[in-house]
Amino acid sequence: MMSGNKKVKTFLLDKLLGKSLLVLLLRIFGLLLFFGLTLFITNNFDPKLVGRYDFTRSSLLIIGGICLLGTNQAIIYYSGVLIVRNDIFNLKNIYHKMLLVILLVSVLFLVCIEVISPKVINQFFEKDDAYILLQQVILCVFPFALMLLNFDTIRALKRTNSSEVFRNILRYTPFLIGTIYISFMNDHSWLVMTFLLGFILVAILSTVYVYFLFSKLGHRTIVEKYSFKKILKVSTPMALSAISFFLMQSVDIILLSKYESYDVVAYYGVAVKISIASSLVLASVTILLGPKISELYEKGARIALRKMLATGTKIIVLLSFPGIVILLLFPGFFLNIFGASYDIASTALTILLLAQLLVSFCGPAPIYLNMTGRQQVLNKIIFFGLLLNIVLNVVLIPRYGMNGAALATAISMLVWNVIAVLYVYKKDNIVMPNFTKR
């Protein structure tokens, strides 16, 4: 029988781990940039302004997710299918149609915000500037959604590292530079607009790079044409799950903004950012596995698929565990780095971190369902998680404030991930947290 040390050594030499680490290193660099930016903001801007920024960021995630209509996930799916069919040249035509879909939905949102009374929105959130913030979000939602589509298009074209550079470094660079500038100019009121306007520049840069990659594909006769109807048939179920996922990431901030002041939102927002950072490994491995899952499933290579998923889950747990445990041991210390009053969110951070630790054992079950034609199943699972999340937030936030928001997020996140794991096991006999077999 292979010794424990030898098993670990063999596992660490696995080719998949090596590829994951390349993505992980880029994500770590991006994470440092993001937290450097967050540290600068929380230590130089009033918590109320930081709270407005978090409210804007959460609103942008939700509205941007709706505008995407799942196109960013669908283009990954299509890349795997087209590679198998030797028709990758068709991806450019699919991209163009997705671009038009995003534009039309963005314009629809713009029309809606113009016809809704500002008083209605301001009264709902009990904030005088809620309407203005949402209006600014919607004006910038198209470049934001385009940017996200471009990130995954670059990934679909087998430029994972380039995609990560855009996603984790270039995405935040304009905001970082702009924030430093307005801080030294002592014009802090521009914080939200600086955040939003940065996406326009990144959208332009990423679009130029996408077309550069398309030009390298050359020209070849298209094997099969994909209509808007066919594309939406794939992307819409993915959109529903993605929108639900974005809502679950943001509904706590949105509802907390309704019941608490912006400074409380800022404190909780930092706890959320730290907990999301703890899921870095899960996100990195999932980014790598997505196209390969679609490809292996299309080929019918079930044994290779099972092995890849089992190895991926081991990597996620092995690399996630130490960082999360350290954060759990010293939550107040890490929060105080962002400002003297931010340790108020210590309990909320502990709750969120415990949930992230348990979720790491679920592995890439959600992306597996998305990439194997079970988008509608995943949609139902996540939608159930979203409903649970909303109900828990509505019940818990008025009573327990930010700790209630953390509990609602943690419980709903665990529930829908466990359901996904159980479904994959029942239907495909794949055990995600499998540590007994190679």
Protein backbone atom coordinates (compact mmCIF):
# COMPACT_ATOMS: atom_id res chain seq x y z
CA MET A 1 0.00 0.00 0.00
CA MET A 2 1.29 3.44 -0.91
CA SER A 3 2.39 5.48 2.10
CA GLY A 4 0.66 8.73 2.97
CA ASN A 5 3.71 10.84 2.10
CA LYS A 6 4.11 9.09 -1.24
CA LYS A 7 0.43 9.60 -2.03
CA VAL A 8 0.77 13.30 -1.32
CA LYS A 9 3.93 13.49 -3.44
CA THR A 10 2.25 11.69 -6.33
CA PHE A 11 -0.77 13.94 -6.00
CA LEU A 12 1.33 17.11 -6.03
CA LEU A 13 3.06 15.97 -9.21
CA ASP A 14 -0.25 15.56 -11.00
CA LYS A 15 -0.33 17.55 -14.23
CA LEU A 16 -3.64 19.15 -13.36
CA LEU A 17 -2.20 20.63 -10.18
CA GLY A 18 0.60 22.24 -12.15
CA LYS A 19 -1.85 23.91 -14.50
CA SER A 20 -4.02 25.01 -11.61
CA LEU A 21 -1.07 26.66 -9.90
CA LEU A 22 -0.36 28.82 -12.95
CA VAL A 23 -3.91 30.15 -12.77
CA LEU A 24 -3.67 30.38 -8.98
CA LEU A 25 -0.53 32.52 -9.10
CA LEU A 26 -2.25 35.01 -11.40
CA ARG A 27 -5.27 35.05 -9.12
CA ILE A 28 -3.08 35.61 -6.05
CA PHE A 29 -1.42 38.56 -7.76
CA GLY A 30 -4.85 39.93 -8.68
CA LEU A 31 -6.07 39.31 -5.15
CA LEU A 32 -3.17 41.30 -3.72
CA LEU A 33 -4.01 44.13 -6.10
CA PHE A 34 -7.68 44.02 -5.15
CA PHE A 35 -6.97 43.99 -1.43
CA GLY A 36 -4.38 46.71 -1.80
CA LEU A 37 -7.09 48.77 -3.47
CA THR A 38 -9.60 47.90 -0.73
CA LEU A 39 -7.10 48.78 1.98
CA PHE A 40 -6.42 52.13 0.36
CA ILE A 41 -10.13 52.90 0.09
CA THR A 42 -11.10 51.84 3.62
CA ASN A 43 -8.18 53.72 5.18
CA ASN A 44 -8.58 56.92 3.16
CA PHE A 45 -12.32 57.25 2.54
CA ASP A 46 -15.21 57.67 4.95
CA PRO A 47 -17.03 54.36 5.67
CA LYS A 48 -20.27 55.88 4.34
CA LEU A 49 -18.61 56.43 0.94
CA VAL A 50 -17.22 52.90 1.08
CA GLY A 51 -20.74 51.66 1.80
CA ARG A 52 -22.06 53.50 -1.28
CA TYR A 53 -19.32 51.85 -3.33
CA ASP A 54 -20.30 48.39 -2.00
CA PHE A 55 -23.97 49.08 -2.76
CA THR A 56 -23.03 50.13 -6.30
CA ARG A 57 -20.77 47.11 -6.77
CA SER A 58 -23.47 44.68 -5.65
CA SER A 59 -26.09 46.34 -7.87
CA LEU A 60 -23.71 46.15 -10.84
CA LEU A 61 -23.14 42.43 -10.27
CA ILE A 62 -26.88 41.75 -10.30
CA ILE A 63 -27.82 43.96 -13.28
CA GLY A 64 -24.69 42.99 -15.20
CA GLY A 65 -25.46 39.32 -14.62
CA ILE A 66 -28.93 39.81 -16.07
CA CYS A 67 -27.55 41.65 -19.13
CA LEU A 68 -25.08 38.84 -19.79
CA LEU A 69 -27.95 36.33 -20.10
CA GLY A 70 -25.48 33.49 -19.52
CA THR A 71 -23.49 34.29 -22.66
CA ASN A 72 -20.18 34.24 -20.78
CA GLN A 73 -20.82 30.67 -19.60
CA ALA A 74 -22.34 29.62 -22.92
CA ILE A 75 -19.29 30.66 -24.92
CA ILE A 76 -17.17 28.33 -22.76
CA TYR A 77 -19.63 25.53 -23.48
CA TYR A 78 -19.55 26.23 -27.21
CA SER A 79 -15.76 26.30 -27.30
CA GLY A 80 -15.59 22.72 -26.00
CA VAL A 81 -18.25 21.55 -28.46
CA LEU A 82 -16.68 23.35 -31.43
CA ILE A 83 -13.21 21.98 -30.69
CA VAL A 84 -14.55 18.44 -30.83
CA ARG A 85 -16.36 19.24 -34.09
CA ASN A 86 -13.30 20.98 -35.56
CA ASP A 87 -15.39 24.14 -35.97
CA ILE A 88 -13.73 26.59 -33.53
CA PHE A 89 -13.72 29.25 -36.30
CA ASN A 90 -17.48 29.57 -35.75
CA LEU A 91 -16.93 31.00 -32.27
CA LYS A 92 -16.53 34.51 -33.71
CA ASN A 93 -20.04 34.44 -35.20
CA ILE A 94 -21.48 33.19 -31.92
CA TYR A 95 -19.63 35.99 -30.08
CA HIS A 96 -21.15 38.65 -32.36
CA LYS A 97 -24.67 37.44 -31.67
CA MET A 98 -24.00 37.35 -27.94
CA LEU A 99 -22.70 40.91 -28.14
CA LEU A 100 -25.98 42.06 -29.70
CA VAL A 101 -28.01 40.28 -27.00
CA ILE A 102 -26.07 42.09 -24.25
CA LEU A 103 -26.55 45.45 -25.94
CA LEU A 104 -30.31 45.01 -26.30
CA VAL A 105 -30.82 43.99 -22.67
CA SER A 106 -28.64 46.89 -21.48
CA VAL A 107 -30.75 49.36 -23.47
CA LEU A 108 -33.90 47.83 -21.97
CA PHE A 109 -32.57 48.51 -18.46
CA LEU A 110 -31.77 52.07 -19.44
CA VAL A 111 -35.34 52.60 -20.59
CA CYS A 112 -36.72 51.10 -17.37
CA ILE A 113 -34.67 53.32 -15.03
CA GLU A 114 -35.78 56.42 -16.92
CA VAL A 115 -39.49 55.64 -16.52
CA ILE A 116 -39.35 54.67 -12.83
CA SER A 117 -39.87 57.47 -10.34
CA PRO A 118 -36.74 58.30 -8.30
CA LYS A 119 -38.96 58.70 -5.24
CA VAL A 120 -40.05 55.02 -5.41
CA ILE A 121 -36.48 53.70 -5.37
CA ASN A 122 -35.26 56.15 -2.72
CA GLN A 123 -38.17 55.27 -0.43
CA PHE A 124 -37.60 51.53 -0.82
CA PHE A 125 -33.95 51.75 0.21
CA GLU A 126 -34.59 54.62 2.62
CA LYS A 127 -31.63 56.43 1.06
CA ASP A 128 -31.77 59.79 -0.72
CA ASP A 129 -29.13 58.82 -3.29
CA ALA A 130 -30.27 55.25 -4.14
CA TYR A 131 -31.85 56.24 -7.47
CA ILE A 132 -28.80 58.21 -8.61
CA LEU A 133 -26.48 55.30 -7.76
CA LEU A 134 -28.64 52.81 -9.67
CA GLN A 135 -28.89 55.17 -12.64
CA GLN A 136 -25.10 55.43 -12.78
CA VAL A 137 -24.82 51.63 -12.61
CA ILE A 138 -27.18 51.13 -15.54
CA LEU A 139 -25.38 53.72 -17.67
CA CYS A 140 -22.18 51.67 -17.29
CA VAL A 141 -23.68 48.18 -17.34
CA PHE A 142 -23.04 47.46 -21.05
CA PRO A 143 -19.24 47.89 -20.88
CA PHE A 144 -19.23 45.89 -17.65
CA ALA A 145 -21.16 42.98 -19.22
CA LEU A 146 -19.07 43.18 -22.39
CA MET A 147 -15.93 43.03 -20.28
CA LEU A 148 -17.11 39.84 -18.55
CA LEU A 149 -18.06 38.24 -21.87
CA ASN A 150 -14.60 39.10 -23.22
CA PHE A 151 -12.86 37.51 -20.23
CA ASP A 152 -14.56 34.18 -20.88
CA THR A 153 -14.19 34.46 -24.65
CA ILE A 154 -10.43 34.77 -24.16
CA ARG A 155 -10.60 31.73 -21.89
CA ALA A 156 -12.67 29.86 -24.48
CA LEU A 157 -9.93 30.55 -27.04
CA LYS A 158 -7.47 28.67 -24.83
CA ARG A 159 -5.77 31.78 -23.41
CA THR A 160 -6.54 31.05 -19.77
CA ASN A 161 -3.57 33.00 -18.42
CA SER A 162 -4.41 36.05 -20.54
CA SER A 163 -7.99 35.81 -19.34
CA GLU A 164 -6.79 35.82 -15.75
CA VAL A 165 -4.58 38.85 -16.37
CA PHE A 166 -7.62 40.76 -17.62
CA ARG A 167 -9.96 39.39 -14.95
CA ASN A 168 -7.76 39.92 -11.93
CA ILE A 169 -5.25 42.65 -12.79
CA LEU A 170 -6.33 44.93 -15.64
CA ARG A 171 -9.91 44.87 -14.34
CA TYR A 172 -8.91 46.76 -11.17
CA THR A 173 -5.98 48.83 -12.43
CA PRO A 174 -8.00 51.83 -13.75
CA PHE A 175 -9.98 52.00 -10.50
CA LEU A 176 -6.79 51.84 -8.43
CA ILE A 177 -5.13 54.66 -10.38
CA GLY A 178 -8.31 56.74 -10.36
CA THR A 179 -8.86 56.24 -6.64
CA ILE A 180 -5.33 57.34 -5.79
CA TYR A 181 -5.82 60.42 -7.97
CA ILE A 182 -9.13 61.53 -6.43
CA SER A 183 -7.74 60.88 -2.95
CA PHE A 184 -4.80 63.21 -3.50
CA MET A 185 -7.09 65.74 -5.18
CA ASN A 186 -9.34 65.47 -2.08
CA ASP A 187 -12.43 64.92 -4.25
CA HIS A 188 -13.77 61.77 -2.57
CA SER A 189 -17.26 62.15 -4.00
CA TRP A 190 -15.98 60.68 -7.29
CA LEU A 191 -15.31 57.25 -5.76
CA VAL A 192 -18.36 55.50 -7.26
CA MET A 193 -17.98 57.07 -10.71
CA THR A 194 -14.27 56.22 -10.77
CA PHE A 195 -15.19 52.61 -10.05
CA LEU A 196 -17.78 52.50 -12.85
CA LEU A 197 -15.85 54.40 -15.52
CA GLY A 198 -12.86 52.07 -15.21
CA PHE A 199 -14.88 49.28 -16.82
CA ILE A 200 -15.23 51.26 -20.04
CA LEU A 201 -11.46 51.24 -20.55
CA VAL A 202 -11.12 47.54 -19.67
CA ALA A 203 -14.02 46.69 -22.01
CA ILE A 204 -12.25 48.45 -24.89
CA LEU A 205 -8.89 46.79 -24.21
CA SER A 206 -10.36 43.31 -23.83
CA THR A 207 -12.46 43.70 -27.00
CA VAL A 208 -9.37 44.63 -29.01
CA TYR A 209 -7.59 41.54 -27.67
CA VAL A 210 -10.56 39.27 -28.44
CA TYR A 211 -10.57 40.38 -32.08
CA PHE A 212 -6.82 39.89 -32.22
CA LEU A 213 -7.31 36.27 -31.11
CA PHE A 214 -10.12 35.78 -33.63
CA SER A 215 -7.84 37.04 -36.40
CA LYS A 216 -5.31 34.32 -35.51
CA LEU A 217 -7.90 31.61 -36.10
CA GLY A 218 -7.84 32.31 -39.82
CA HIS A 219 -10.79 31.60 -42.09
CA ARG A 220 -12.45 28.29 -42.77
CA THR A 221 -15.83 27.11 -43.99
CA ILE A 222 -18.35 27.09 -41.14
CA VAL A 223 -19.60 23.59 -40.39
CA GLU A 224 -22.81 24.64 -38.64
CA LYS A 225 -24.57 27.96 -38.18
CA TYR A 226 -25.88 28.92 -34.75
CA SER A 227 -29.00 31.07 -34.68
CA PHE A 228 -30.00 33.47 -31.90
CA LYS A 229 -32.63 30.95 -30.85
CA LYS A 230 -30.10 28.14 -30.59
CA ILE A 231 -27.61 30.27 -28.66
CA LEU A 232 -30.27 31.52 -26.24
CA LYS A 233 -31.50 27.97 -25.73
CA VAL A 234 -28.09 27.16 -24.27
CA SER A 235 -27.36 30.49 -22.58
CA THR A 236 -30.74 31.20 -20.98
CA PRO A 237 -30.65 28.30 -18.48
CA MET A 238 -27.06 29.31 -17.71
CA ALA A 239 -28.24 32.91 -17.34
CA LEU A 240 -30.86 31.95 -14.79
CA SER A 241 -28.32 30.09 -12.69
CA ALA A 242 -25.71 32.86 -13.13
CA ILE A 243 -28.20 35.60 -12.20
CA SER A 244 -29.28 33.59 -9.17
CA PHE A 245 -25.63 33.19 -8.24
CA PHE A 246 -24.95 36.92 -8.63
CA LEU A 247 -28.03 37.66 -6.54
CA MET A 248 -26.83 35.33 -3.81
CA GLN A 249 -23.51 37.18 -3.81
CA SER A 250 -25.19 40.58 -3.63
CA VAL A 251 -28.65 40.38 -2.09
CA ASP A 252 -27.21 40.49 1.44
CA ILE A 253 -25.45 43.79 0.67
CA ILE A 254 -28.56 45.21 -1.04
CA LEU A 255 -30.92 44.28 1.82
CA LEU A 256 -28.40 45.33 4.46
CA SER A 257 -28.31 48.72 2.71
CA LYS A 258 -32.06 48.97 3.26
CA TYR A 259 -31.99 48.21 6.99
CA GLU A 260 -28.60 49.60 8.02
CA SER A 261 -26.48 52.69 7.34
CA TYR A 262 -23.79 52.79 4.65
CA ASP A 263 -20.98 52.46 7.19
CA VAL A 264 -22.35 49.12 8.43
CA VAL A 265 -22.56 48.04 4.80
CA ALA A 266 -18.88 48.95 4.43
CA TYR A 267 -17.85 46.85 7.45
CA TYR A 268 -19.81 43.83 6.25
CA GLY A 269 -18.58 44.38 2.68
CA VAL A 270 -14.98 43.89 3.80
CA ALA A 271 -15.92 40.62 5.54
CA VAL A 272 -17.57 39.44 2.33
CA LYS A 273 -14.48 40.34 0.27
CA ILE A 274 -12.21 38.40 2.61
CA SER A 275 -14.49 35.35 2.50
CA ILE A 276 -14.64 35.51 -1.30
CA ALA A 277 -10.85 35.67 -1.37
CA SER A 278 -10.80 32.45 0.63
CA SER A 279 -12.55 30.74 -2.29
CA LEU A 280 -9.68 31.66 -4.61
CA VAL A 281 -8.55 28.08 -5.12
CA LEU A 282 -12.08 26.83 -5.87
CA ALA A 283 -12.56 29.55 -8.48
CA SER A 284 -9.12 28.96 -10.04
CA VAL A 285 -9.56 25.21 -10.47
CA THR A 286 -13.10 25.72 -11.78
CA ILE A 287 -11.81 28.19 -14.39
CA LEU A 288 -9.36 25.53 -15.59
CA LEU A 289 -11.79 22.62 -15.57
CA GLY A 290 -14.75 24.25 -17.36
CA PRO A 291 -13.72 23.82 -21.03
CA LYS A 292 -12.14 20.39 -20.37
CA ILE A 293 -15.30 19.05 -18.74
CA SER A 294 -17.33 20.01 -21.80
CA GLU A 295 -14.73 18.46 -24.12
CA LEU A 296 -14.40 15.14 -22.24
CA TYR A 297 -18.14 14.82 -21.78
CA GLU A 298 -18.73 15.41 -25.51
CA LYS A 299 -16.16 12.69 -26.31
CA GLY A 300 -17.76 10.27 -23.83
CA ALA A 301 -14.49 9.91 -21.89
CA ARG A 302 -16.19 9.17 -18.57
CA ILE A 303 -13.22 7.55 -16.79
CA ALA A 304 -10.92 10.46 -17.59
CA LEU A 305 -13.66 12.87 -16.53
CA ARG A 306 -14.14 11.16 -13.16
CA LYS A 307 -10.40 11.16 -12.49
CA MET A 308 -10.07 14.83 -13.41
CA LEU A 309 -12.97 15.84 -11.14
CA ALA A 310 -11.64 13.78 -8.21
CA THR A 311 -8.18 15.30 -8.59
CA GLY A 312 -9.65 18.78 -8.93
CA THR A 313 -11.58 18.39 -5.67
CA LYS A 314 -8.46 17.22 -3.84
CA ILE A 315 -6.54 20.25 -5.09
CA ILE A 316 -9.31 22.60 -3.94
CA VAL A 317 -9.39 21.19 -0.40
CA LEU A 318 -5.62 20.81 -0.02
CA LEU A 319 -4.86 24.39 -1.03
CA SER A 320 -7.92 26.08 0.54
CA PHE A 321 -7.70 24.62 4.04
CA PRO A 322 -4.57 26.36 5.46
CA GLY A 323 -5.56 29.89 4.40
CA ILE A 324 -9.12 29.62 5.67
CA VAL A 325 -7.99 28.21 9.04
CA ILE A 326 -5.53 31.10 9.54
CA LEU A 327 -8.29 33.61 8.77
CA LEU A 328 -10.62 31.81 11.19
CA LEU A 329 -8.06 32.00 14.00
CA PHE A 330 -7.50 35.76 13.68
CA PRO A 331 -10.59 37.39 12.09
CA GLY A 332 -10.32 40.61 14.10
CA PHE A 333 -6.66 41.07 13.22
CA PHE A 334 -7.27 40.85 9.47
CA LEU A 335 -10.31 43.14 9.64
CA ASN A 336 -8.41 45.79 11.63
CA ILE A 337 -5.98 46.10 8.74
CA PHE A 338 -8.80 47.78 6.81
CA GLY A 339 -9.50 50.30 9.56
CA ALA A 340 -9.91 50.51 13.32
CA SER A 341 -13.68 50.06 13.28
CA TYR A 342 -13.87 47.20 10.78
CA ASP A 343 -13.36 44.46 13.39
CA ILE A 344 -17.05 44.93 14.18
CA ALA A 345 -17.58 42.39 11.40
CA SER A 346 -15.49 39.63 13.08
CA THR A 347 -18.47 37.36 13.81
CA ALA A 348 -19.86 37.81 10.31
CA LEU A 349 -16.47 36.96 8.79
CA THR A 350 -16.17 33.81 10.93
CA ILE A 351 -19.58 32.59 9.76
CA LEU A 352 -18.74 33.21 6.10
CA LEU A 353 -15.34 31.51 6.36
CA LEU A 354 -16.78 28.37 7.96
CA ALA A 355 -19.21 28.11 5.06
CA GLN A 356 -16.41 28.54 2.50
CA LEU A 357 -14.39 25.80 4.19
CA LEU A 358 -17.27 23.34 3.95
CA VAL A 359 -18.09 24.34 0.36
CA SER A 360 -14.51 23.54 -0.74
CA PHE A 361 -15.29 19.85 -0.09
CA CYS A 362 -18.10 20.04 -2.67
CA GLY A 363 -15.57 20.55 -5.47
CA PRO A 364 -16.54 21.73 -8.98
CA ALA A 365 -20.02 20.16 -8.94
CA PRO A 366 -21.83 23.31 -10.20
CA ILE A 367 -19.56 23.85 -13.22
CA TYR A 368 -19.80 20.13 -13.99
CA LEU A 369 -23.58 20.41 -14.32
CA ASN A 370 -23.25 23.58 -16.41
CA MET A 371 -20.78 22.01 -18.83
CA THR A 372 -22.60 18.68 -19.30
CA GLY A 373 -25.97 19.87 -20.54
CA ARG A 374 -27.65 19.99 -17.12
CA GLN A 375 -27.98 23.78 -17.07
CA GLN A 376 -31.66 23.58 -16.19
CA VAL A 377 -30.92 21.28 -13.27
CA LEU A 378 -28.27 23.65 -11.94
CA ASN A 379 -30.65 26.53 -12.49
CA LYS A 380 -33.29 24.89 -10.30
CA ILE A 381 -30.75 24.09 -7.59
CA ILE A 382 -29.32 27.61 -7.48
CA PHE A 383 -32.76 29.19 -7.76
CA PHE A 384 -33.82 27.22 -4.70
CA GLY A 385 -30.66 28.46 -2.96
CA LEU A 386 -31.52 32.01 -3.98
CA LEU A 387 -35.06 31.79 -2.60
CA LEU A 388 -33.70 30.39 0.65
CA ASN A 389 -31.10 33.16 0.72
CA ILE A 390 -33.65 35.93 0.21
CA VAL A 391 -36.04 34.52 2.83
CA LEU A 392 -33.26 34.12 5.39
CA ASN A 393 -31.91 37.62 4.68
CA VAL A 394 -35.36 39.18 5.08
CA VAL A 395 -35.89 37.33 8.36
CA LEU A 396 -32.41 37.59 9.86
CA ILE A 397 -31.07 41.02 8.83
CA PRO A 398 -33.72 43.11 10.69
CA ARG A 399 -32.99 41.08 13.84
CA TYR A 400 -29.25 40.46 13.69
CA GLY A 401 -27.90 43.01 11.19
CA MET A 402 -24.71 42.00 9.41
CA ASN A 403 -24.47 38.72 11.35
CA GLY A 404 -27.91 37.81 10.06
CA ALA A 405 -26.75 38.57 6.52
CA ALA A 406 -23.72 36.32 7.02
CA LEU A 407 -25.87 33.47 8.39
CA ALA A 408 -28.29 33.74 5.48
CA THR A 409 -25.47 33.66 2.94
CA ALA A 410 -23.64 30.79 4.65
CA ILE A 411 -26.67 28.53 5.04
CA SER A 412 -28.01 29.02 1.52
CA MET A 413 -24.55 28.57 -0.03
CA LEU A 414 -24.00 25.28 1.79
CA VAL A 415 -27.46 23.97 0.97
CA TRP A 416 -27.33 24.46 -2.80
CA ASN A 417 -23.75 23.17 -3.10
CA VAL A 418 -24.58 20.00 -1.18
CA ILE A 419 -27.68 19.45 -3.35
CA ALA A 420 -25.50 19.77 -6.47
CA VAL A 421 -23.01 17.21 -5.13
CA LEU A 422 -25.79 14.75 -4.26
CA TYR A 423 -27.36 15.13 -7.71
CA VAL A 424 -24.05 14.47 -9.50
CA TYR A 425 -23.50 11.37 -7.35
CA LYS A 426 -27.02 10.05 -7.93
CA LYS A 427 -27.07 10.60 -11.71
CA ASP A 428 -23.44 10.01 -12.75
CA ASN A 429 -22.03 8.10 -9.78
CA ILE A 430 -19.30 10.74 -9.32
CA VAL A 431 -18.14 11.43 -5.78
CA MET A 432 -16.73 14.97 -5.64
CA PRO A 433 -15.10 14.86 -2.18
CA ASN A 434 -13.39 11.54 -2.97
CA PHE A 435 -10.15 11.13 -1.05
CA THR A 436 -9.91 7.34 -1.18
CA LYS A 437 -9.39 6.69 -4.90
CA ARG A 438 -7.11 7.95 -7.63
